[in-house]
Each structure stands twice: as structure tokens, then as C-alpha cells.
PDB file of N, CA and C in Angstrom:
ATOM      1  N   MET A   1     -12.281  -0.495 -18.709  1.00  0.00           N
ATOM      2  CA  MET A   1     -12.294   0.302 -17.637  1.00  0.00           C
ATOM      3  C   MET A   1     -12.446   1.732 -17.871  1.00  0.00           C
ATOM      4  N   SER A   2     -13.714   2.181 -18.301  1.00  0.00           N
ATOM      5  CA  SER A   2     -13.781   3.607 -18.529  1.00  0.00           C
ATOM      6  C   SER A   2     -14.114   4.336 -17.352  1.00  0.00           C
ATOM      7  N   ASN A   3     -14.380   3.995 -16.101  1.00  0.00           N
ATOM      8  CA  ASN A   3     -14.591   4.623 -15.005  1.00  0.00           C
ATOM      9  C   ASN A   3     -13.271   4.641 -13.946  1.00  0.00           C
ATOM     10  N   PHE A   4     -12.330   5.385 -14.450  1.00  0.00           N
ATOM     11  CA  PHE A   4     -11.344   5.394 -13.660  1.00  0.00           C
ATOM     12  C   PHE A   4     -11.423   5.855 -12.184  1.00  0.00           C
ATOM     13  N   PRO A   5     -11.967   7.193 -12.077  1.00  0.00           N
ATOM     14  CA  PRO A   5     -12.177   7.781 -10.856  1.00  0.00           C
ATOM     15  C   PRO A   5     -13.017   7.008  -9.908  1.00  0.00           C
ATOM     16  N   ALA A   6     -13.586   6.182 -10.224  1.00  0.00           N
ATOM     17  CA  ALA A   6     -14.591   5.485  -9.474  1.00  0.00           C
ATOM     18  C   ALA A   6     -13.639   4.435  -8.983  1.00  0.00           C
ATOM     19  N   LEU A   7     -12.892   3.587  -9.798  1.00  0.00           N
ATOM     20  CA  LEU A   7     -11.991   2.438  -9.529  1.00  0.00           C
ATOM     21  C   LEU A   7     -11.013   2.864  -8.559  1.00  0.00           C
ATOM     22  N   ARG A   8     -10.188   4.212  -8.589  1.00  0.00           N
ATOM     23  CA  ARG A   8      -9.303   4.847  -7.771  1.00  0.00           C
ATOM     24  C   ARG A   8      -9.829   4.964  -6.522  1.00  0.00           C
ATOM     25  N   ASP A   9     -11.177   5.568  -6.326  1.00  0.00           N
ATOM     26  CA  ASP A   9     -11.542   6.077  -5.037  1.00  0.00           C
ATOM     27  C   ASP A   9     -11.967   4.590  -4.179  1.00  0.00           C
ATOM     28  N   ALA A  10     -12.184   3.860  -5.407  1.00  0.00           N
ATOM     29  CA  ALA A  10     -12.817   2.179  -4.484  1.00  0.00           C
ATOM     30  C   ALA A  10     -11.357   1.850  -3.733  1.00  0.00           C
ATOM     31  N   LEU A  11     -10.174   1.878  -4.630  1.00  0.00           N
ATOM     32  CA  LEU A  11      -8.964   1.224  -4.108  1.00  0.00           C
ATOM     33  C   LEU A  11      -8.672   2.000  -3.299  1.00  0.00           C
ATOM     34  N   PHE A  12      -8.470   3.214  -3.200  1.00  0.00           N
ATOM     35  CA  PHE A  12      -7.850   4.066  -2.021  1.00  0.00           C
ATOM     36  C   PHE A  12      -8.559   4.226  -0.619  1.00  0.00           C
ATOM     37  N   SER A  13     -10.204   3.696  -0.874  1.00  0.00           N
ATOM     38  CA  SER A  13     -10.729   3.927   0.386  1.00  0.00           C
ATOM     39  C   SER A  13     -10.496   2.723   1.059  1.00  0.00           C
ATOM     40  N   ASN A  14     -10.149   1.452   0.543  1.00  0.00           N
ATOM     41  CA  ASN A  14     -10.046   0.255   1.413  1.00  0.00           C
ATOM     42  C   ASN A  14      -8.562  -0.477   1.167  1.00  0.00           C
ATOM     43  N   LEU A  15      -7.674   0.228   0.841  1.00  0.00           N
ATOM     44  CA  LEU A  15      -6.365  -0.224   0.456  1.00  0.00           C
ATOM     45  C   LEU A  15      -5.270   0.837   0.901  1.00  0.00           C
ATOM     46  N   THR A  16      -4.225   0.501   1.448  1.00  0.00           N
ATOM     47  CA  THR A  16      -3.226   1.235   1.584  1.00  0.00           C
ATOM     48  C   THR A  16      -2.646   1.580   0.289  1.00  0.00           C
ATOM     49  N   ARG A  17      -1.764   2.799   0.022  1.00  0.00           N
ATOM     50  CA  ARG A  17      -1.323   3.323  -1.398  1.00  0.00           C
ATOM     51  C   ARG A  17      -0.605   2.257  -1.966  1.00  0.00           C
ATOM     52  N   HIS A  18       0.258   1.282  -1.071  1.00  0.00           N
ATOM     53  CA  HIS A  18       1.155   0.512  -1.879  1.00  0.00           C
ATOM     54  C   HIS A  18       0.327  -0.833  -2.453  1.00  0.00           C
ATOM     55  N   GLU A  19      -0.610  -1.165  -1.787  1.00  0.00           N
ATOM     56  CA  GLU A  19      -1.593  -2.017  -1.974  1.00  0.00           C
ATOM     57  C   GLU A  19      -2.454  -1.532  -3.224  1.00  0.00           C
ATOM     58  N   ALA A  20      -2.730  -0.560  -3.164  1.00  0.00           N
ATOM     59  CA  ALA A  20      -3.327   0.016  -4.406  1.00  0.00           C
ATOM     60  C   ALA A  20      -2.484   0.025  -5.729  1.00  0.00           C
ATOM     61  N   VAL A  21      -1.358   0.354  -5.573  1.00  0.00           N
ATOM     62  CA  VAL A  21      -0.415   0.267  -6.787  1.00  0.00           C
ATOM     63  C   VAL A  21      -0.510  -1.152  -7.238  1.00  0.00           C
ATOM     64  N   TYR A  22      -0.381  -1.887  -6.334  1.00  0.00           N
ATOM     65  CA  TYR A  22      -0.128  -3.331  -6.727  1.00  0.00           C
ATOM     66  C   TYR A  22      -1.431  -3.891  -7.329  1.00  0.00           C
ATOM     67  N   VAL A  23      -2.458  -3.561  -6.991  1.00  0.00           N
ATOM     68  CA  VAL A  23      -3.816  -3.858  -7.489  1.00  0.00           C
ATOM     69  C   VAL A  23      -3.918  -3.079  -8.932  1.00  0.00           C
ATOM     70  N   ALA A  24      -3.244  -1.929  -9.051  1.00  0.00           N
ATOM     71  CA  ALA A  24      -3.646  -1.368 -10.496  1.00  0.00           C
ATOM     72  C   ALA A  24      -2.597  -2.114 -11.498  1.00  0.00           C
ATOM     73  N   VAL A  25      -1.421  -2.530 -11.023  1.00  0.00           N
ATOM     74  CA  VAL A  25      -0.728  -3.173 -12.062  1.00  0.00           C
ATOM     75  C   VAL A  25      -1.558  -4.659 -12.312  1.00  0.00           C
ATOM     76  N   SER A  26      -2.093  -5.344 -11.595  1.00  0.00           N
ATOM     77  CA  SER A  26      -2.535  -6.339 -11.682  1.00  0.00           C
ATOM     78  C   SER A  26      -3.976  -6.301 -12.616  1.00  0.00           C
ATOM     79  N   LEU A  27      -4.397  -5.158 -12.377  1.00  0.00           N
ATOM     80  CA  LEU A  27      -5.377  -4.936 -13.275  1.00  0.00           C
ATOM     81  C   LEU A  27      -5.096  -4.410 -14.786  1.00  0.00           C
ATOM     82  N   LEU A  28      -4.139  -3.752 -14.697  1.00  0.00           N
ATOM     83  CA  LEU A  28      -3.442  -3.351 -16.258  1.00  0.00           C
ATOM     84  C   LEU A  28      -2.784  -4.321 -16.844  1.00  0.00           C
ATOM     85  N   GLY A  29      -2.198  -5.403 -16.273  1.00  0.00           N
ATOM     86  CA  GLY A  29      -1.145  -6.017 -16.631  1.00  0.00           C
ATOM     87  C   GLY A  29       0.098  -5.541 -16.675  1.00  0.00           C
ATOM     88  N   GLU A  30       1.071  -5.526 -17.669  1.00  0.00           N
ATOM     89  CA  GLU A  30       2.287  -4.720 -17.803  1.00  0.00           C
ATOM     90  C   GLU A  30       1.822  -3.296 -18.003  1.00  0.00           C
ATOM     91  N   ALA A  31       2.501  -2.579 -17.574  1.00  0.00           N
ATOM     92  CA  ALA A  31       2.129  -1.320 -17.435  1.00  0.00           C
ATOM     93  C   ALA A  31       3.409  -0.303 -17.059  1.00  0.00           C
ATOM     94  N   ARG A  32       3.304   1.099 -17.795  1.00  0.00           N
ATOM     95  CA  ARG A  32       4.296   1.975 -17.541  1.00  0.00           C
ATOM     96  C   ARG A  32       3.933   2.734 -16.153  1.00  0.00           C
ATOM     97  N   THR A  33       4.848   3.214 -15.762  1.00  0.00           N
ATOM     98  CA  THR A  33       4.778   4.379 -14.427  1.00  0.00           C
ATOM     99  C   THR A  33       3.760   5.358 -14.727  1.00  0.00           C
ATOM    100  N   SER A  34       3.888   5.862 -15.889  1.00  0.00           N
ATOM    101  CA  SER A  34       3.009   6.884 -16.096  1.00  0.00           C
ATOM    102  C   SER A  34       1.467   6.449 -16.036  1.00  0.00           C
ATOM    103  N   ASP A  35       1.183   5.455 -16.808  1.00  0.00           N
ATOM    104  CA  ASP A  35      -0.083   4.564 -16.845  1.00  0.00           C
ATOM    105  C   ASP A  35      -0.923   4.365 -15.665  1.00  0.00           C
ATOM    106  N   ILE A  36       0.346   3.925 -14.705  1.00  0.00           N
ATOM    107  CA  ILE A  36      -0.149   3.384 -13.112  1.00  0.00           C
ATOM    108  C   ILE A  36      -0.525   4.731 -12.415  1.00  0.00           C
ATOM    109  N   ALA A  37       0.319   5.907 -12.443  1.00  0.00           N
ATOM    110  CA  ALA A  37       0.473   6.815 -11.870  1.00  0.00           C
ATOM    111  C   ALA A  37      -0.981   7.783 -12.257  1.00  0.00           C
ATOM    112  N   LYS A  38      -1.222   7.704 -13.742  1.00  0.00           N
ATOM    113  CA  LYS A  38      -2.479   8.367 -14.269  1.00  0.00           C
ATOM    114  C   LYS A  38      -3.753   7.571 -13.561  1.00  0.00           C
ATOM    115  N   LEU A  39      -3.942   6.442 -13.688  1.00  0.00           N
ATOM    116  CA  LEU A  39      -4.914   5.522 -13.137  1.00  0.00           C
ATOM    117  C   LEU A  39      -5.358   6.085 -11.748  1.00  0.00           C
ATOM    118  N   LEU A  40      -4.356   6.044 -10.714  1.00  0.00           N
ATOM    119  CA  LEU A  40      -4.433   6.257  -9.485  1.00  0.00           C
ATOM    120  C   LEU A  40      -4.363   7.849  -9.078  1.00  0.00           C
ATOM    121  N   ASP A  41      -4.311   8.513 -10.191  1.00  0.00           N
ATOM    122  CA  ASP A  41      -4.354  10.168  -9.816  1.00  0.00           C
ATOM    123  C   ASP A  41      -3.317  10.731  -8.776  1.00  0.00           C
ATOM    124  N   GLU A  42      -1.868   9.907  -9.081  1.00  0.00           N
ATOM    125  CA  GLU A  42      -0.786  10.254  -8.238  1.00  0.00           C
ATOM    126  C   GLU A  42       0.394  10.866  -9.134  1.00  0.00           C
ATOM    127  N   ASP A  43       1.152  11.462  -8.380  1.00  0.00           N
ATOM    128  CA  ASP A  43       2.276  11.681  -9.402  1.00  0.00           C
ATOM    129  C   ASP A  43       3.133  10.743  -9.557  1.00  0.00           C
ATOM    130  N   LYS A  44       4.071  10.623 -10.547  1.00  0.00           N
ATOM    131  CA  LYS A  44       4.766   9.641 -11.061  1.00  0.00           C
ATOM    132  C   LYS A  44       6.216   9.313  -9.973  1.00  0.00           C
ATOM    133  N   ALA A  45       6.639  10.366  -9.396  1.00  0.00           N
ATOM    134  CA  ALA A  45       7.692  10.154  -8.242  1.00  0.00           C
ATOM    135  C   ALA A  45       7.007   9.275  -7.297  1.00  0.00           C
ATOM    136  N   ASN A  46       6.009   9.705  -6.541  1.00  0.00           N
ATOM    137  CA  ASN A  46       5.329   8.766  -5.853  1.00  0.00           C
ATOM    138  C   ASN A  46       5.139   7.299  -6.191  1.00  0.00           C
ATOM    139  N   THR A  47       4.517   7.266  -7.252  1.00  0.00           N
ATOM    140  CA  THR A  47       4.230   5.949  -7.864  1.00  0.00           C
ATOM    141  C   THR A  47       5.378   5.181  -7.925  1.00  0.00           C
ATOM    142  N   THR A  48       6.440   5.682  -8.663  1.00  0.00           N
ATOM    143  CA  THR A  48       7.748   5.118  -8.723  1.00  0.00           C
ATOM    144  C   THR A  48       8.188   4.438  -7.331  1.00  0.00           C
ATOM    145  N   LYS A  49       8.365   5.031  -6.502  1.00  0.00           N
ATOM    146  CA  LYS A  49       8.706   4.971  -5.042  1.00  0.00           C
ATOM    147  C   LYS A  49       7.801   3.751  -4.764  1.00  0.00           C
ATOM    148  N   ARG A  50       6.528   3.590  -4.759  1.00  0.00           N
ATOM    149  CA  ARG A  50       5.851   2.507  -4.080  1.00  0.00           C
ATOM    150  C   ARG A  50       6.090   1.319  -5.242  1.00  0.00           C
ATOM    151  N   LEU A  51       6.313   1.627  -6.382  1.00  0.00           N
ATOM    152  CA  LEU A  51       6.446   0.375  -7.453  1.00  0.00           C
ATOM    153  C   LEU A  51       8.253  -0.341  -6.855  1.00  0.00           C
ATOM    154  N   GLU A  52       8.799   0.873  -6.809  1.00  0.00           N
ATOM    155  CA  GLU A  52      10.374   0.169  -6.294  1.00  0.00           C
ATOM    156  C   GLU A  52      10.097  -0.673  -5.276  1.00  0.00           C
ATOM    157  N   ALA A  53       9.387  -0.277  -4.235  1.00  0.00           N
ATOM    158  CA  ALA A  53       9.170  -1.025  -2.828  1.00  0.00           C
ATOM    159  C   ALA A  53       8.708  -2.185  -3.178  1.00  0.00           C
ATOM    160  N   LEU A  54       7.636  -2.363  -3.935  1.00  0.00           N
ATOM    161  CA  LEU A  54       6.906  -3.573  -4.210  1.00  0.00           C
ATOM    162  C   LEU A  54       7.927  -4.663  -4.847  1.00  0.00           C
ATOM    163  N   VAL A  55       9.081  -4.042  -5.997  1.00  0.00           N
ATOM    164  CA  VAL A  55       9.843  -4.815  -6.304  1.00  0.00           C
ATOM    165  C   VAL A  55      10.849  -5.622  -5.464  1.00  0.00           C
ATOM    166  N   GLU A  56      11.085  -4.610  -4.584  1.00  0.00           N
ATOM    167  CA  GLU A  56      12.045  -5.126  -3.403  1.00  0.00           C
ATOM    168  C   GLU A  56      11.361  -6.291  -2.727  1.00  0.00           C
ATOM    169  N   ASP A  57      10.073  -6.059  -2.363  1.00  0.00           N
ATOM    170  CA  ASP A  57       9.293  -7.051  -1.655  1.00  0.00           C
ATOM    171  C   ASP A  57       9.213  -8.268  -2.346  1.00  0.00           C
ATOM    172  N   GLY A  58       9.522  -8.337  -3.632  1.00  0.00           N
ATOM    173  CA  GLY A  58       9.217  -9.521  -4.673  1.00  0.00           C
ATOM    174  C   GLY A  58       8.040  -9.608  -5.263  1.00  0.00           C
ATOM    175  N   ARG A  59       7.300  -8.562  -5.139  1.00  0.00           N
ATOM    176  CA  ARG A  59       5.662  -8.718  -5.445  1.00  0.00           C
ATOM    177  C   ARG A  59       5.549  -8.255  -7.006  1.00  0.00           C
ATOM    178  N   LEU A  60       6.487  -7.309  -7.500  1.00  0.00           N
ATOM    179  CA  LEU A  60       6.629  -6.870  -8.673  1.00  0.00           C
ATOM    180  C   LEU A  60       7.898  -7.105  -9.519  1.00  0.00           C
ATOM    181  N   THR A  61       7.913  -6.877 -10.883  1.00  0.00           N
ATOM    182  CA  THR A  61       9.150  -6.994 -11.421  1.00  0.00           C
ATOM    183  C   THR A  61       9.298  -5.967 -12.744  1.00  0.00           C
ATOM    184  N   ILE A  62      10.215  -5.548 -12.747  1.00  0.00           N
ATOM    185  CA  ILE A  62      10.198  -4.863 -14.110  1.00  0.00           C
ATOM    186  C   ILE A  62      10.798  -5.603 -15.499  1.00  0.00           C
ATOM    187  N   VAL A  63       9.599  -5.335 -16.395  1.00  0.00           N
ATOM    188  CA  VAL A  63       9.881  -6.186 -17.509  1.00  0.00           C
ATOM    189  C   VAL A  63      10.751  -5.663 -18.747  1.00  0.00           C
ATOM    190  N   GLU A  64      10.603  -4.186 -18.755  1.00  0.00           N
ATOM    191  CA  GLU A  64      11.210  -3.462 -19.789  1.00  0.00           C
ATOM    192  C   GLU A  64      11.821  -2.444 -19.142  1.00  0.00           C
ATOM    193  N   THR A  65      12.961  -1.857 -19.661  1.00  0.00           N
ATOM    194  CA  THR A  65      13.208  -0.474 -19.578  1.00  0.00           C
ATOM    195  C   THR A  65      13.952   0.009 -20.723  1.00  0.00           C
ATOM    196  N   ALA A  66      13.778   1.069 -21.205  1.00  0.00           N
ATOM    197  CA  ALA A  66      13.759   1.817 -22.496  1.00  0.00           C
ATOM    198  C   ALA A  66      13.848   3.555 -22.520  1.00  0.00           C
ATOM    199  N   ASN A  67      14.626   3.991 -23.127  1.00  0.00           N
ATOM    200  CA  ASN A  67      14.077   5.340 -23.424  1.00  0.00           C
ATOM    201  C   ASN A  67      13.461   5.380 -24.384  1.00  0.00           C
ATOM    202  N   ARG A  68      12.247   6.200 -24.263  1.00  0.00           N
ATOM    203  CA  ARG A  68      11.231   6.541 -25.293  1.00  0.00           C
ATOM    204  C   ARG A  68      11.314   7.383 -26.333  1.00  0.00           C
ATOM    205  N   LYS A  69      12.344   8.417 -26.015  1.00  0.00           N
ATOM    206  CA  LYS A  69      12.690   9.590 -26.574  1.00  0.00           C
ATOM    207  C   LYS A  69      14.336   9.488 -26.895  1.00  0.00           C
ATOM    208  N   PRO A  70      14.988   9.781 -27.919  1.00  0.00           N
ATOM    209  CA  PRO A  70      16.242   9.835 -28.067  1.00  0.00           C
ATOM    210  C   PRO A  70      16.821  10.837 -26.999  1.00  0.00           C
ATOM    211  N   GLY A  71      17.937  10.793 -26.812  1.00  0.00           N
ATOM    212  CA  GLY A  71      18.515  11.947 -25.771  1.00  0.00           C
ATOM    213  C   GLY A  71      18.746  11.660 -24.206  1.00  0.00           C
ATOM    214  N   PRO A  72      18.843  12.403 -23.456  1.00  0.00           N
ATOM    215  CA  PRO A  72      18.833  12.262 -22.123  1.00  0.00           C
ATOM    216  C   PRO A  72      17.583  12.212 -21.413  1.00  0.00           C
ATOM    217  N   GLY A  73      17.478  11.669 -20.307  1.00  0.00           N
ATOM    218  CA  GLY A  73      16.345  11.584 -19.809  1.00  0.00           C
ATOM    219  C   GLY A  73      16.400  10.214 -18.978  1.00  0.00           C
ATOM    220  N   ARG A  74      15.279  10.204 -18.259  1.00  0.00           N
ATOM    221  CA  ARG A  74      15.063   9.044 -17.349  1.00  0.00           C
ATOM    222  C   ARG A  74      14.352   7.762 -18.308  1.00  0.00           C
ATOM    223  N   PRO A  75      14.955   6.484 -18.231  1.00  0.00           N
ATOM    224  CA  PRO A  75      14.092   5.470 -18.996  1.00  0.00           C
ATOM    225  C   PRO A  75      12.755   5.202 -18.531  1.00  0.00           C
ATOM    226  N   SER A  76      12.131   4.673 -19.372  1.00  0.00           N
ATOM    227  CA  SER A  76      10.615   4.679 -19.072  1.00  0.00           C
ATOM    228  C   SER A  76      10.802   3.092 -18.645  1.00  0.00           C
ATOM    229  N   ARG A  77       9.924   2.603 -17.424  1.00  0.00           N
ATOM    230  CA  ARG A  77      10.041   1.139 -17.025  1.00  0.00           C
ATOM    231  C   ARG A  77       8.790   0.788 -17.152  1.00  0.00           C
ATOM    232  N   VAL A  78       8.667  -0.709 -17.540  1.00  0.00           N
ATOM    233  CA  VAL A  78       7.322  -1.365 -17.436  1.00  0.00           C
ATOM    234  C   VAL A  78       7.000  -2.412 -16.568  1.00  0.00           C
ATOM    235  N   TRP A  79       6.145  -2.379 -15.481  1.00  0.00           N
ATOM    236  CA  TRP A  79       6.088  -3.145 -14.311  1.00  0.00           C
ATOM    237  C   TRP A  79       5.196  -4.141 -14.614  1.00  0.00           C
ATOM    238  N   ALA A  80       5.412  -5.484 -13.765  1.00  0.00           N
ATOM    239  CA  ALA A  80       4.168  -6.622 -13.940  1.00  0.00           C
ATOM    240  C   ALA A  80       4.448  -7.177 -12.525  1.00  0.00           C
ATOM    241  N   ILE A  81       3.372  -8.063 -12.348  1.00  0.00           N
ATOM    242  CA  ILE A  81       3.310  -8.955 -11.007  1.00  0.00           C
ATOM    243  C   ILE A  81       4.254 -10.022 -11.034  1.00  0.00           C
ATOM    244  N   ALA A  82       5.107 -10.267 -10.343  1.00  0.00           N
ATOM    245  CA  ALA A  82       6.315 -11.289 -10.153  1.00  0.00           C
ATOM    246  C   ALA A  82       5.673 -12.495 -10.534  1.00  0.00           C
ATOM    247  N   ASP A  83       6.463 -13.511 -10.732  1.00  0.00           N
ATOM    248  CA  ASP A  83       6.217 -14.911 -11.013  1.00  0.00           C
ATOM    249  C   ASP A  83       6.059 -15.635  -9.602  1.00  0.00           C
TER     250      ASP A  83
END
């Protein structure tokens, strides 16, 4: 997937933002919030809200939560399509 801007534009032109996030996760497989946000050219806070809504709907699941750096800070989450 070397042409991310074209993919992002195609997703956003035909899908809602929640649907675009879902499709991005399905394309990336298991992915961190930052990777999904980068693909969609969206900030991490908005991406996280959309991901959490998709978890509540039962469409996504969190497969890993870990602090990537020692010390305080928010844990990094890895998202995937729910079974």
C-alpha cells in the first residue's frame, strides 16, 4: 500500500469516518491507533473515539494494550476485526 493518500481519499469520499476506520483496520490487520490515524490522516484522539465506538458495536476488538515507553503515559492499543 504505497499510495496511502489516494486510498484515504477513496475511503473518505464513499464511506462515513467510522466506516473508513473499520476498513482501515481490516486492510492493516492488527494495527495500533497511531498507524490507523496516520493512514487516514486524522488525529489520534478522533481515531480513538471512532475505534472505541466500533468496539462498543462489537465490530472491533482490542488485542493488546501495553505501555511502549517506561513511565507515565497512555498505553498503546492494538485493534483488530472482532470474530
